[in-house]
Each structure stands twice: as C-alpha cells, then as structure tokens.
PDB file of N, CA and C in Angstrom:
ATOM      1  N   MET A   1     -72.959 -29.532 -81.490  1.00  0.00           N
ATOM      2  CA  MET A   1     -72.466 -29.187 -82.803  1.00  0.00           C
ATOM      3  C   MET A   1     -70.973 -28.915 -82.675  1.00  0.00           C
ATOM      4  N   THR A   2     -70.193 -29.593 -83.482  1.00  0.00           N
ATOM      5  CA  THR A   2     -68.756 -29.466 -83.362  1.00  0.00           C
ATOM      6  C   THR A   2     -68.117 -28.681 -84.488  1.00  0.00           C
ATOM      7  N   GLY A   3     -68.844 -28.295 -85.484  1.00  0.00           N
ATOM      8  CA  GLY A   3     -68.265 -27.547 -86.591  1.00  0.00           C
ATOM      9  C   GLY A   3     -68.927 -27.912 -87.892  1.00  0.00           C
ATOM     10  N   ILE A   4     -68.201 -27.701 -88.978  1.00  0.00           N
ATOM     11  CA  ILE A   4     -68.731 -27.903 -90.317  1.00  0.00           C
ATOM     12  C   ILE A   4     -69.288 -29.316 -90.455  1.00  0.00           C
ATOM     13  N   THR A   5     -70.525 -29.402 -90.935  1.00  0.00           N
ATOM     14  CA  THR A   5     -71.163 -30.701 -91.109  1.00  0.00           C
ATOM     15  C   THR A   5     -71.372 -31.038 -92.571  1.00  0.00           C
ATOM     16  N   GLN A   6     -71.224 -30.058 -93.455  1.00  0.00           N
ATOM     17  CA  GLN A   6     -71.393 -30.291 -94.874  1.00  0.00           C
ATOM     18  C   GLN A   6     -70.070 -30.069 -95.585  1.00  0.00           C
ATOM     19  N   SER A   7     -69.905 -30.728 -96.714  1.00  0.00           N
ATOM     20  CA  SER A   7     -68.688 -30.551 -97.504  1.00  0.00           C
ATOM     21  C   SER A   7     -68.692 -29.172 -98.150  1.00  0.00           C
ATOM     22  N   SER A   8     -67.530 -28.562 -98.190  1.00  0.00           N
ATOM     23  CA  SER A   8     -67.401 -27.268 -98.862  1.00  0.00           C
ATOM     24  C   SER A   8     -66.858 -27.447-100.279  1.00  0.00           C
ATOM     25  N   ALA A   9     -66.760 -28.689-100.738  1.00  0.00           N
ATOM     26  CA  ALA A   9     -66.159 -28.990-102.038  1.00  0.00           C
ATOM     27  C   ALA A   9     -66.871 -28.300-103.194  1.00  0.00           C
ATOM     28  N   ASP A  10     -68.162 -28.099-103.082  1.00  0.00           N
ATOM     29  CA  ASP A  10     -68.920 -27.477-104.171  1.00  0.00           C
ATOM     30  C   ASP A  10     -68.903 -25.958-104.112  1.00  0.00           C
ATOM     31  N   LEU A  11     -68.239 -25.387-103.127  1.00  0.00           N
ATOM     32  CA  LEU A  11     -68.201 -23.932-102.975  1.00  0.00           C
ATOM     33  C   LEU A  11     -66.968 -23.349-103.643  1.00  0.00           C
ATOM     34  N   ASP A  12     -67.096 -22.113-104.132  1.00  0.00           N
ATOM     35  CA  ASP A  12     -65.926 -21.431-104.676  1.00  0.00           C
ATOM     36  C   ASP A  12     -65.011 -21.035-103.523  1.00  0.00           C
ATOM     37  N   VAL A  13     -63.808 -20.584-103.861  1.00  0.00           N
ATOM     38  CA  VAL A  13     -62.787 -20.293-102.852  1.00  0.00           C
ATOM     39  C   VAL A  13     -63.283 -19.241-101.851  1.00  0.00           C
ATOM     40  N   ARG A  14     -63.926 -18.185-102.326  1.00  0.00           N
ATOM     41  CA  ARG A  14     -64.410 -17.139-101.423  1.00  0.00           C
ATOM     42  C   ARG A  14     -65.389 -17.704-100.405  1.00  0.00           C
ATOM     43  N   ARG A  15     -66.344 -18.491-100.857  1.00  0.00           N
ATOM     44  CA  ARG A  15     -67.339 -19.058 -99.952  1.00  0.00           C
ATOM     45  C   ARG A  15     -66.705 -20.058 -98.974  1.00  0.00           C
ATOM     46  N   ARG A  16     -65.718 -20.812 -99.422  1.00  0.00           N
ATOM     47  CA  ARG A  16     -65.015 -21.737 -98.507  1.00  0.00           C
ATOM     48  C   ARG A  16     -64.323 -20.967 -97.386  1.00  0.00           C
ATOM     49  N   LYS A  17     -63.693 -19.857 -97.742  1.00  0.00           N
ATOM     50  CA  LYS A  17     -63.022 -19.040 -96.723  1.00  0.00           C
ATOM     51  C   LYS A  17     -64.028 -18.453 -95.746  1.00  0.00           C
ATOM     52  N   ILE A  18     -65.147 -17.963 -96.253  1.00  0.00           N
ATOM     53  CA  ILE A  18     -66.189 -17.409 -95.375  1.00  0.00           C
ATOM     54  C   ILE A  18     -66.716 -18.508 -94.452  1.00  0.00           C
ATOM     55  N   LEU A  19     -66.970 -19.689 -95.006  1.00  0.00           N
ATOM     56  CA  LEU A  19     -67.484 -20.794 -94.191  1.00  0.00           C
ATOM     57  C   LEU A  19     -66.498 -21.150 -93.086  1.00  0.00           C
ATOM     58  N   PHE A  20     -65.222 -21.229 -93.416  1.00  0.00           N
ATOM     59  CA  PHE A  20     -64.218 -21.534 -92.398  1.00  0.00           C
ATOM     60  C   PHE A  20     -64.224 -20.463 -91.316  1.00  0.00           C
ATOM     61  N   ARG A  21     -64.200 -19.189 -91.715  1.00  0.00           N
ATOM     62  CA  ARG A  21     -64.196 -18.089 -90.738  1.00  0.00           C
ATOM     63  C   ARG A  21     -65.475 -18.065 -89.909  1.00  0.00           C
ATOM     64  N   ALA A  22     -66.589 -18.461 -90.504  1.00  0.00           N
ATOM     65  CA  ALA A  22     -67.854 -18.492 -89.767  1.00  0.00           C
ATOM     66  C   ALA A  22     -67.799 -19.498 -88.619  1.00  0.00           C
ATOM     67  N   TRP A  23     -67.085 -20.607 -88.817  1.00  0.00           N
ATOM     68  CA  TRP A  23     -66.988 -21.636 -87.783  1.00  0.00           C
ATOM     69  C   TRP A  23     -65.830 -21.402 -86.821  1.00  0.00           C
ATOM     70  N   HIS A  24     -65.014 -20.396 -87.076  1.00  0.00           N
ATOM     71  CA  HIS A  24     -63.832 -20.142 -86.228  1.00  0.00           C
ATOM     72  C   HIS A  24     -63.816 -18.690 -85.780  1.00  0.00           C
ATOM     73  N   ARG A  25     -64.851 -18.291 -85.075  1.00  0.00           N
ATOM     74  CA  ARG A  25     -65.044 -16.915 -84.671  1.00  0.00           C
ATOM     75  C   ARG A  25     -64.232 -16.546 -83.432  1.00  0.00           C
ATOM     76  N   GLY A  26     -64.195 -17.419 -82.458  1.00  0.00           N
ATOM     77  CA  GLY A  26     -63.509 -17.108 -81.206  1.00  0.00           C
ATOM     78  C   GLY A  26     -64.433 -17.224 -80.007  1.00  0.00           C
ATOM     79  N   ILE A  27     -65.697 -16.953 -80.197  1.00  0.00           N
ATOM     80  CA  ILE A  27     -66.712 -17.153 -79.157  1.00  0.00           C
ATOM     81  C   ILE A  27     -67.639 -18.245 -79.681  1.00  0.00           C
ATOM     82  N   ARG A  28     -67.797 -19.289 -78.914  1.00  0.00           N
ATOM     83  CA  ARG A  28     -68.550 -20.461 -79.374  1.00  0.00           C
ATOM     84  C   ARG A  28     -69.956 -20.117 -79.851  1.00  0.00           C
ATOM     85  N   GLU A  29     -70.636 -19.217 -79.158  1.00  0.00           N
ATOM     86  CA  GLU A  29     -71.989 -18.839 -79.578  1.00  0.00           C
ATOM     87  C   GLU A  29     -71.973 -18.240 -80.983  1.00  0.00           C
ATOM     88  N   MET A  30     -70.934 -17.445 -81.267  1.00  0.00           N
ATOM     89  CA  MET A  30     -70.826 -16.847 -82.601  1.00  0.00           C
ATOM     90  C   MET A  30     -70.451 -17.900 -83.642  1.00  0.00           C
ATOM     91  N   ASP A  31     -69.627 -18.891 -83.243  1.00  0.00           N
ATOM     92  CA  ASP A  31     -69.334 -20.005 -84.146  1.00  0.00           C
ATOM     93  C   ASP A  31     -70.635 -20.686 -84.564  1.00  0.00           C
ATOM     94  N   LEU A  32     -71.473 -20.952 -83.588  1.00  0.00           N
ATOM     95  CA  LEU A  32     -72.717 -21.668 -83.862  1.00  0.00           C
ATOM     96  C   LEU A  32     -73.675 -20.850 -84.707  1.00  0.00           C
ATOM     97  N   ILE A  33     -73.817 -19.583 -84.389  1.00  0.00           N
ATOM     98  CA  ILE A  33     -74.740 -18.749 -85.161  1.00  0.00           C
ATOM     99  C   ILE A  33     -74.215 -18.545 -86.576  1.00  0.00           C
ATOM    100  N   PHE A  34     -72.993 -18.032 -86.697  1.00  0.00           N
ATOM    101  CA  PHE A  34     -72.457 -17.757 -88.027  1.00  0.00           C
ATOM    102  C   PHE A  34     -72.177 -19.036 -88.803  1.00  0.00           C
ATOM    103  N   GLY A  35     -71.635 -20.050 -88.137  1.00  0.00           N
ATOM    104  CA  GLY A  35     -71.316 -21.292 -88.830  1.00  0.00           C
ATOM    105  C   GLY A  35     -72.540 -21.970 -89.403  1.00  0.00           C
ATOM    106  N   GLN A  36     -73.564 -22.120 -88.600  1.00  0.00           N
ATOM    107  CA  GLN A  36     -74.765 -22.789 -89.096  1.00  0.00           C
ATOM    108  C   GLN A  36     -75.506 -21.923 -90.106  1.00  0.00           C
ATOM    109  N   PHE A  37     -75.497 -20.601 -89.902  1.00  0.00           N
ATOM    110  CA  PHE A  37     -76.091 -19.703 -90.899  1.00  0.00           C
ATOM    111  C   PHE A  37     -75.359 -19.870 -92.232  1.00  0.00           C
ATOM    112  N   ALA A  38     -74.034 -19.840 -92.187  1.00  0.00           N
ATOM    113  CA  ALA A  38     -73.244 -19.949 -93.414  1.00  0.00           C
ATOM    114  C   ALA A  38     -73.485 -21.291 -94.105  1.00  0.00           C
ATOM    115  N   GLU A  39     -73.510 -22.367 -93.353  1.00  0.00           N
ATOM    116  CA  GLU A  39     -73.761 -23.675 -93.957  1.00  0.00           C
ATOM    117  C   GLU A  39     -75.103 -23.708 -94.672  1.00  0.00           C
ATOM    118  N   ALA A  40     -76.105 -23.123 -94.061  1.00  0.00           N
ATOM    119  CA  ALA A  40     -77.450 -23.171 -94.613  1.00  0.00           C
ATOM    120  C   ALA A  40     -77.647 -22.188 -95.770  1.00  0.00           C
ATOM    121  N   GLU A  41     -76.991 -21.040 -95.730  1.00  0.00           N
ATOM    122  CA  GLU A  41     -77.319 -19.953 -96.653  1.00  0.00           C
ATOM    123  C   GLU A  41     -76.236 -19.603 -97.667  1.00  0.00           C
ATOM    124  N   LEU A  42     -75.008 -19.909 -97.384  1.00  0.00           N
ATOM    125  CA  LEU A  42     -73.868 -19.382 -98.135  1.00  0.00           C
ATOM    126  C   LEU A  42     -73.910 -19.678 -99.635  1.00  0.00           C
ATOM    127  N   ALA A  43     -74.230 -20.879-100.002  1.00  0.00           N
ATOM    128  CA  ALA A  43     -74.185 -21.265-101.415  1.00  0.00           C
ATOM    129  C   ALA A  43     -75.104 -20.406-102.281  1.00  0.00           C
ATOM    130  N   GLY A  44     -76.213 -19.941-101.725  1.00  0.00           N
ATOM    131  CA  GLY A  44     -77.174 -19.185-102.521  1.00  0.00           C
ATOM    132  C   GLY A  44     -77.073 -17.677-102.410  1.00  0.00           C
ATOM    133  N   LEU A  45     -76.109 -17.171-101.651  1.00  0.00           N
ATOM    134  CA  LEU A  45     -76.006 -15.726-101.469  1.00  0.00           C
ATOM    135  C   LEU A  45     -75.315 -15.069-102.657  1.00  0.00           C
ATOM    136  N   PRO A  46     -75.902 -13.980-103.173  1.00  0.00           N
ATOM    137  CA  PRO A  46     -75.237 -13.254-104.261  1.00  0.00           C
ATOM    138  C   PRO A  46     -73.998 -12.514-103.754  1.00  0.00           C
ATOM    139  N   GLU A  47     -73.132 -12.123-104.684  1.00  0.00           N
ATOM    140  CA  GLU A  47     -71.860 -11.493-104.342  1.00  0.00           C
ATOM    141  C   GLU A  47     -72.020 -10.275-103.442  1.00  0.00           C
ATOM    142  N   GLU A  48     -72.988  -9.403-103.710  1.00  0.00           N
ATOM    143  CA  GLU A  48     -73.139  -8.194-102.891  1.00  0.00           C
ATOM    144  C   GLU A  48     -73.546  -8.528-101.457  1.00  0.00           C
ATOM    145  N   VAL A  49     -74.263  -9.610-101.269  1.00  0.00           N
ATOM    146  CA  VAL A  49     -74.620 -10.047 -99.919  1.00  0.00           C
ATOM    147  C   VAL A  49     -73.396 -10.665 -99.239  1.00  0.00           C
ATOM    148  N   LEU A  50     -72.559 -11.359-100.003  1.00  0.00           N
ATOM    149  CA  LEU A  50     -71.308 -11.873 -99.440  1.00  0.00           C
ATOM    150  C   LEU A  50     -70.429 -10.729 -98.957  1.00  0.00           C
ATOM    151  N   ASP A  51     -70.401  -9.617 -99.722  1.00  0.00           N
ATOM    152  CA  ASP A  51     -69.639  -8.438 -99.288  1.00  0.00           C
ATOM    153  C   ASP A  51     -70.137  -7.958 -97.927  1.00  0.00           C
ATOM    154  N   GLU A  52     -71.449  -7.872 -97.794  1.00  0.00           N
ATOM    155  CA  GLU A  52     -72.029  -7.418 -96.526  1.00  0.00           C
ATOM    156  C   GLU A  52     -71.750  -8.416 -95.407  1.00  0.00           C
ATOM    157  N   LEU A  53     -71.868  -9.698 -95.684  1.00  0.00           N
ATOM    158  CA  LEU A  53     -71.587 -10.725 -94.675  1.00  0.00           C
ATOM    159  C   LEU A  53     -70.146 -10.615 -94.194  1.00  0.00           C
ATOM    160  N   GLU A  54     -69.214 -10.397 -95.106  1.00  0.00           N
ATOM    161  CA  GLU A  54     -67.814 -10.255 -94.706  1.00  0.00           C
ATOM    162  C   GLU A  54     -67.604  -9.004 -93.855  1.00  0.00           C
ATOM    163  N   ARG A  55     -68.308  -7.913 -94.159  1.00  0.00           N
ATOM    164  CA  ARG A  55     -68.213  -6.709 -93.314  1.00  0.00           C
ATOM    165  C   ARG A  55     -68.727  -6.989 -91.909  1.00  0.00           C
ATOM    166  N   ILE A  56     -69.843  -7.693 -91.821  1.00  0.00           N
ATOM    167  CA  ILE A  56     -70.402  -8.035 -90.510  1.00  0.00           C
ATOM    168  C   ILE A  56     -69.434  -8.938 -89.751  1.00  0.00           C
ATOM    169  N   MET A  57     -68.907  -9.947 -90.434  1.00  0.00           N
ATOM    170  CA  MET A  57     -68.018 -10.905 -89.781  1.00  0.00           C
ATOM    171  C   MET A  57     -66.685 -10.287 -89.370  1.00  0.00           C
ATOM    172  N   ALA A  58     -66.343  -9.138 -89.925  1.00  0.00           N
ATOM    173  CA  ALA A  58     -65.094  -8.464 -89.556  1.00  0.00           C
ATOM    174  C   ALA A  58     -65.208  -7.758 -88.207  1.00  0.00           C
ATOM    175  N   GLU A  59     -66.412  -7.614 -87.702  1.00  0.00           N
ATOM    176  CA  GLU A  59     -66.616  -6.958 -86.410  1.00  0.00           C
ATOM    177  C   GLU A  59     -66.213  -7.894 -85.269  1.00  0.00           C
ATOM    178  N   GLU A  60     -65.923  -7.289 -84.137  1.00  0.00           N
ATOM    179  CA  GLU A  60     -65.528  -8.051 -82.944  1.00  0.00           C
ATOM    180  C   GLU A  60     -66.698  -8.899 -82.442  1.00  0.00           C
ATOM    181  N   ASP A  61     -66.401 -10.134 -82.044  1.00  0.00           N
ATOM    182  CA  ASP A  61     -67.433 -11.028 -81.519  1.00  0.00           C
ATOM    183  C   ASP A  61     -68.169 -10.430 -80.327  1.00  0.00           C
ATOM    184  N   ASN A  62     -67.436  -9.774 -79.440  1.00  0.00           N
ATOM    185  CA  ASN A  62     -68.090  -9.198 -78.259  1.00  0.00           C
ATOM    186  C   ASN A  62     -69.136  -8.167 -78.658  1.00  0.00           C
ATOM    187  N   ASP A  63     -68.858  -7.376 -79.676  1.00  0.00           N
ATOM    188  CA  ASP A  63     -69.839  -6.409 -80.163  1.00  0.00           C
ATOM    189  C   ASP A  63     -71.016  -7.121 -80.809  1.00  0.00           C
ATOM    190  N   LEU A  64     -70.724  -8.109 -81.642  1.00  0.00           N
ATOM    191  CA  LEU A  64     -71.796  -8.850 -82.309  1.00  0.00           C
ATOM    192  C   LEU A  64     -72.741  -9.495 -81.307  1.00  0.00           C
ATOM    193  N   VAL A  65     -72.191 -10.104 -80.268  1.00  0.00           N
ATOM    194  CA  VAL A  65     -73.031 -10.733 -79.241  1.00  0.00           C
ATOM    195  C   VAL A  65     -73.954  -9.693 -78.606  1.00  0.00           C
ATOM    196  N   LYS A  66     -73.413  -8.539 -78.278  1.00  0.00           N
ATOM    197  CA  LYS A  66     -74.221  -7.497 -77.639  1.00  0.00           C
ATOM    198  C   LYS A  66     -75.299  -6.969 -78.564  1.00  0.00           C
ATOM    199  N   TRP A  67     -75.007  -6.856 -79.853  1.00  0.00           N
ATOM    200  CA  TRP A  67     -76.020  -6.390 -80.802  1.00  0.00           C
ATOM    201  C   TRP A  67     -77.100  -7.456 -80.991  1.00  0.00           C
ATOM    202  N   ILE A  68     -76.689  -8.707 -81.092  1.00  0.00           N
ATOM    203  CA  ILE A  68     -77.648  -9.788 -81.317  1.00  0.00           C
ATOM    204  C   ILE A  68     -78.549  -9.988 -80.109  1.00  0.00           C
ATOM    205  N   THR A  69     -77.994  -9.861 -78.909  1.00  0.00           N
ATOM    206  CA  THR A  69     -78.798 -10.063 -77.702  1.00  0.00           C
ATOM    207  C   THR A  69     -79.598  -8.823 -77.312  1.00  0.00           C
ATOM    208  N   GLY A  70     -79.302  -7.694 -77.957  1.00  0.00           N
ATOM    209  CA  GLY A  70     -80.008  -6.465 -77.628  1.00  0.00           C
ATOM    210  C   GLY A  70     -79.392  -5.703 -76.476  1.00  0.00           C
ATOM    211  N   GLU A  71     -78.250  -6.178 -75.983  1.00  0.00           N
ATOM    212  CA  GLU A  71     -77.572  -5.479 -74.890  1.00  0.00           C
ATOM    213  C   GLU A  71     -77.119  -4.089 -75.337  1.00  0.00           C
ATOM    214  N   LYS A  72     -76.767  -3.973 -76.604  1.00  0.00           N
ATOM    215  CA  LYS A  72     -76.392  -2.689 -77.192  1.00  0.00           C
ATOM    216  C   LYS A  72     -77.163  -2.522 -78.491  1.00  0.00           C
ATOM    217  N   PRO A  73     -77.492  -1.288 -78.858  1.00  0.00           N
ATOM    218  CA  PRO A  73     -78.182  -1.085 -80.131  1.00  0.00           C
ATOM    219  C   PRO A  73     -77.268  -1.406 -81.310  1.00  0.00           C
ATOM    220  N   ILE A  74     -77.874  -1.883 -82.377  1.00  0.00           N
ATOM    221  CA  ILE A  74     -77.125  -2.204 -83.586  1.00  0.00           C
ATOM    222  C   ILE A  74     -76.761  -0.890 -84.280  1.00  0.00           C
ATOM    223  N   PRO A  75     -75.489  -0.681 -84.594  1.00  0.00           N
ATOM    224  CA  PRO A  75     -75.121   0.527 -85.338  1.00  0.00           C
ATOM    225  C   PRO A  75     -75.851   0.585 -86.677  1.00  0.00           C
ATOM    226  N   ALA A  76     -76.164   1.768 -87.125  1.00  0.00           N
ATOM    227  CA  ALA A  76     -76.957   1.953 -88.338  1.00  0.00           C
ATOM    228  C   ALA A  76     -76.389   1.201 -89.535  1.00  0.00           C
ATOM    229  N   GLU A  77     -75.055   1.194 -89.684  1.00  0.00           N
ATOM    230  CA  GLU A  77     -74.468   0.538 -90.855  1.00  0.00           C
ATOM    231  C   GLU A  77     -74.640  -0.976 -90.848  1.00  0.00           C
ATOM    232  N   PHE A  78     -74.976  -1.548 -89.687  1.00  0.00           N
ATOM    233  CA  PHE A  78     -75.210  -2.986 -89.601  1.00  0.00           C
ATOM    234  C   PHE A  78     -76.675  -3.342 -89.394  1.00  0.00           C
ATOM    235  N   ASP A  79     -77.520  -2.356 -89.256  1.00  0.00           N
ATOM    236  CA  ASP A  79     -78.952  -2.594 -89.050  1.00  0.00           C
ATOM    237  C   ASP A  79     -79.608  -2.839 -90.408  1.00  0.00           C
ATOM    238  N   THR A  80     -79.350  -4.034 -90.936  1.00  0.00           N
ATOM    239  CA  THR A  80     -79.767  -4.399 -92.287  1.00  0.00           C
ATOM    240  C   THR A  80     -80.591  -5.685 -92.251  1.00  0.00           C
ATOM    241  N   PRO A  81     -81.294  -5.979 -93.330  1.00  0.00           N
ATOM    242  CA  PRO A  81     -82.024  -7.254 -93.379  1.00  0.00           C
ATOM    243  C   PRO A  81     -81.122  -8.473 -93.193  1.00  0.00           C
ATOM    244  N   LEU A  82     -79.906  -8.430 -93.745  1.00  0.00           N
ATOM    245  CA  LEU A  82     -78.998  -9.574 -93.560  1.00  0.00           C
ATOM    246  C   LEU A  82     -78.629  -9.740 -92.095  1.00  0.00           C
ATOM    247  N   PHE A  83     -78.300  -8.657 -91.402  1.00  0.00           N
ATOM    248  CA  PHE A  83     -77.959  -8.776 -89.987  1.00  0.00           C
ATOM    249  C   PHE A  83     -79.150  -9.321 -89.210  1.00  0.00           C
ATOM    250  N   ALA A  84     -80.343  -8.853 -89.537  1.00  0.00           N
ATOM    251  CA  ALA A  84     -81.544  -9.361 -88.861  1.00  0.00           C
ATOM    252  C   ALA A  84     -81.710 -10.857 -89.102  1.00  0.00           C
ATOM    253  N   ARG A  85     -81.435 -11.318 -90.323  1.00  0.00           N
ATOM    254  CA  ARG A  85     -81.512 -12.755 -90.622  1.00  0.00           C
ATOM    255  C   ARG A  85     -80.508 -13.537 -89.789  1.00  0.00           C
ATOM    256  N   ILE A  86     -79.298 -13.032 -89.721  1.00  0.00           N
ATOM    257  CA  ILE A  86     -78.257 -13.714 -88.938  1.00  0.00           C
ATOM    258  C   ILE A  86     -78.635 -13.719 -87.461  1.00  0.00           C
ATOM    259  N   ALA A  87     -79.058 -12.561 -86.948  1.00  0.00           N
ATOM    260  CA  ALA A  87     -79.377 -12.420 -85.521  1.00  0.00           C
ATOM    261  C   ALA A  87     -80.558 -13.288 -85.103  1.00  0.00           C
ATOM    262  N   SER A  88     -81.476 -13.525 -86.014  1.00  0.00           N
ATOM    263  CA  SER A  88     -82.644 -14.328 -85.654  1.00  0.00           C
ATOM    264  C   SER A  88     -82.450 -15.800 -85.981  1.00  0.00           C
ATOM    265  N   TYR A  89     -81.306 -16.158 -86.537  1.00  0.00           N
ATOM    266  CA  TYR A  89     -81.041 -17.539 -86.896  1.00  0.00           C
ATOM    267  C   TYR A  89     -80.993 -18.391 -85.639  1.00  0.00           C
ATOM    268  N   LYS A  90     -81.669 -19.502 -85.664  1.00  0.00           N
ATOM    269  CA  LYS A  90     -81.746 -20.383 -84.497  1.00  0.00           C
ATOM    270  C   LYS A  90     -80.919 -21.635 -84.734  1.00  0.00           C
ATOM    271  N   PRO A  91     -79.669 -21.618 -84.304  1.00  0.00           N
ATOM    272  CA  PRO A  91     -78.841 -22.811 -84.507  1.00  0.00           C
ATOM    273  C   PRO A  91     -79.302 -23.959 -83.629  1.00  0.00           C
ATOM    274  N   ASP A  92     -78.962 -25.162 -84.047  1.00  0.00           N
ATOM    275  CA  ASP A  92     -79.224 -26.360 -83.248  1.00  0.00           C
ATOM    276  C   ASP A  92     -78.035 -26.574 -82.333  1.00  0.00           C
ATOM    277  N   PHE A  93     -78.268 -26.482 -81.031  1.00  0.00           N
ATOM    278  CA  PHE A  93     -77.224 -26.759 -80.058  1.00  0.00           C
ATOM    279  C   PHE A  93     -77.387 -28.217 -79.655  1.00  0.00           C
ATOM    280  N   GLU A  94     -76.312 -28.980 -79.805  1.00  0.00           N
ATOM    281  CA  GLU A  94     -76.369 -30.398 -79.497  1.00  0.00           C
ATOM    282  C   GLU A  94     -75.378 -30.731 -78.405  1.00  0.00           C
ATOM    283  N   GLY A  95     -75.638 -31.814 -77.755  1.00  0.00           N
ATOM    284  CA  GLY A  95     -74.689 -32.306 -76.768  1.00  0.00           C
ATOM    285  C   GLY A  95     -75.133 -32.018 -75.356  1.00  0.00           C
ATOM    286  N   PRO A  96     -74.352 -32.486 -74.367  1.00  0.00           N
ATOM    287  CA  PRO A  96     -74.698 -32.320 -72.960  1.00  0.00           C
ATOM    288  C   PRO A  96     -74.843 -30.842 -72.606  1.00  0.00           C
ATOM    289  N   GLY A  97     -75.857 -30.544 -71.853  1.00  0.00           N
ATOM    290  CA  GLY A  97     -76.082 -29.181 -71.388  1.00  0.00           C
ATOM    291  C   GLY A  97     -76.548 -28.240 -72.484  1.00  0.00           C
ATOM    292  N   ALA A  98     -77.014 -28.790 -73.597  1.00  0.00           N
ATOM    293  CA  ALA A  98     -77.375 -27.956 -74.742  1.00  0.00           C
ATOM    294  C   ALA A  98     -78.707 -27.260 -74.570  1.00  0.00           C
ATOM    295  N   GLY A  99     -79.501 -27.678 -73.658  1.00  0.00           N
ATOM    296  CA  GLY A  99     -80.769 -26.989 -73.473  1.00  0.00           C
ATOM    297  C   GLY A  99     -81.901 -27.679 -74.210  1.00  0.00           C
ATOM    298  N   ALA A 100     -82.832 -26.891 -74.711  1.00  0.00           N
ATOM    299  CA  ALA A 100     -84.082 -27.416 -75.232  1.00  0.00           C
ATOM    300  C   ALA A 100     -84.055 -27.725 -76.734  1.00  0.00           C
ATOM    301  N   GLY A 101     -82.913 -27.882 -77.351  1.00  0.00           N
ATOM    302  CA  GLY A 101     -82.889 -28.281 -78.746  1.00  0.00           C
ATOM    303  C   GLY A 101     -82.552 -27.146 -79.690  1.00  0.00           C
ATOM    304  N   THR A 102     -83.304 -26.064 -79.631  1.00  0.00           N
ATOM    305  CA  THR A 102     -82.928 -24.887 -80.396  1.00  0.00           C
ATOM    306  C   THR A 102     -82.784 -23.751 -79.418  1.00  0.00           C
ATOM    307  N   ALA A 103     -81.790 -23.002 -79.650  1.00  0.00           N
ATOM    308  CA  ALA A 103     -81.539 -21.873 -78.760  1.00  0.00           C
ATOM    309  C   ALA A 103     -80.724 -20.863 -79.513  1.00  0.00           C
ATOM    310  N   GLY A 104     -80.327 -19.865 -78.848  1.00  0.00           N
ATOM    311  CA  GLY A 104     -79.516 -18.815 -79.412  1.00  0.00           C
ATOM    312  C   GLY A 104     -79.715 -17.614 -78.550  1.00  0.00           C
ATOM    313  N   PRO A 105     -79.005 -16.582 -78.809  1.00  0.00           N
ATOM    314  CA  PRO A 105     -79.177 -15.399 -77.998  1.00  0.00           C
ATOM    315  C   PRO A 105     -80.600 -14.861 -78.013  1.00  0.00           C
ATOM    316  N   ARG A 106     -81.314 -15.092 -79.122  1.00  0.00           N
ATOM    317  CA  ARG A 106     -82.723 -14.712 -79.175  1.00  0.00           C
ATOM    318  C   ARG A 106     -83.560 -15.969 -79.235  1.00  0.00           C
ATOM    319  N   ALA A 107     -83.921 -16.520 -78.120  1.00  0.00           N
ATOM    320  CA  ALA A 107     -84.683 -17.765 -78.090  1.00  0.00           C
ATOM    321  C   ALA A 107     -86.142 -17.526 -78.378  1.00  0.00           C
TER     322      ALA A 107
END
C-alpha cells in the first residue's frame, strides 16, 4: 500500500485534510492504520466523531503504537469506542515482505 487509493474530490475540506494527515503520520504502520481507516470510514463520520479523530491523531505516533499494541495502557481520555475501532482496524499490507495479507499491530 503506497498511500491514498480513493479520490478525495467528494470530501469537504476538513475531511480532505484529515485524510492527508492520516496517510502522512511519520511511522509507516500508523500511516497504514490511520490512512486505510480514514479512507474507509471518513466520509460517513459525523462532526463530533471527526473532532475526536483529530484529537487522537494529534497524539505522538510512538504513543499511539504503544497503546494500539498494548505495550502501554490507553489513557482514559482516549479509551473510547472510536479508538477501539481504529486500533482493531486491519489494514491490507501489500508488497514484498508484507506477510499474510492482513496484519497490523493486533493481528
């Protein structure tokens, strides 16, 4: 997976910015999790959920990875149904060395 696979033309400006940021996290695993989650879910998320998604995405990637993998407990303010949805999202890893087709920190 190399990045955005769907057009963002039908999205409003806020959702386009979130989609771009989701694919440009800084840690490739987070790009894949957030990017593919955003592509699949973003268009249908209500405004209050977008607010929460932006709060989650504002956190450091290193912290997010540790929370998603269970290396560190999720802080109470992020222990929400949306975070659980993101953390359990199974992106498709493609290309050489990608593994068994679907993977993620929680296989």
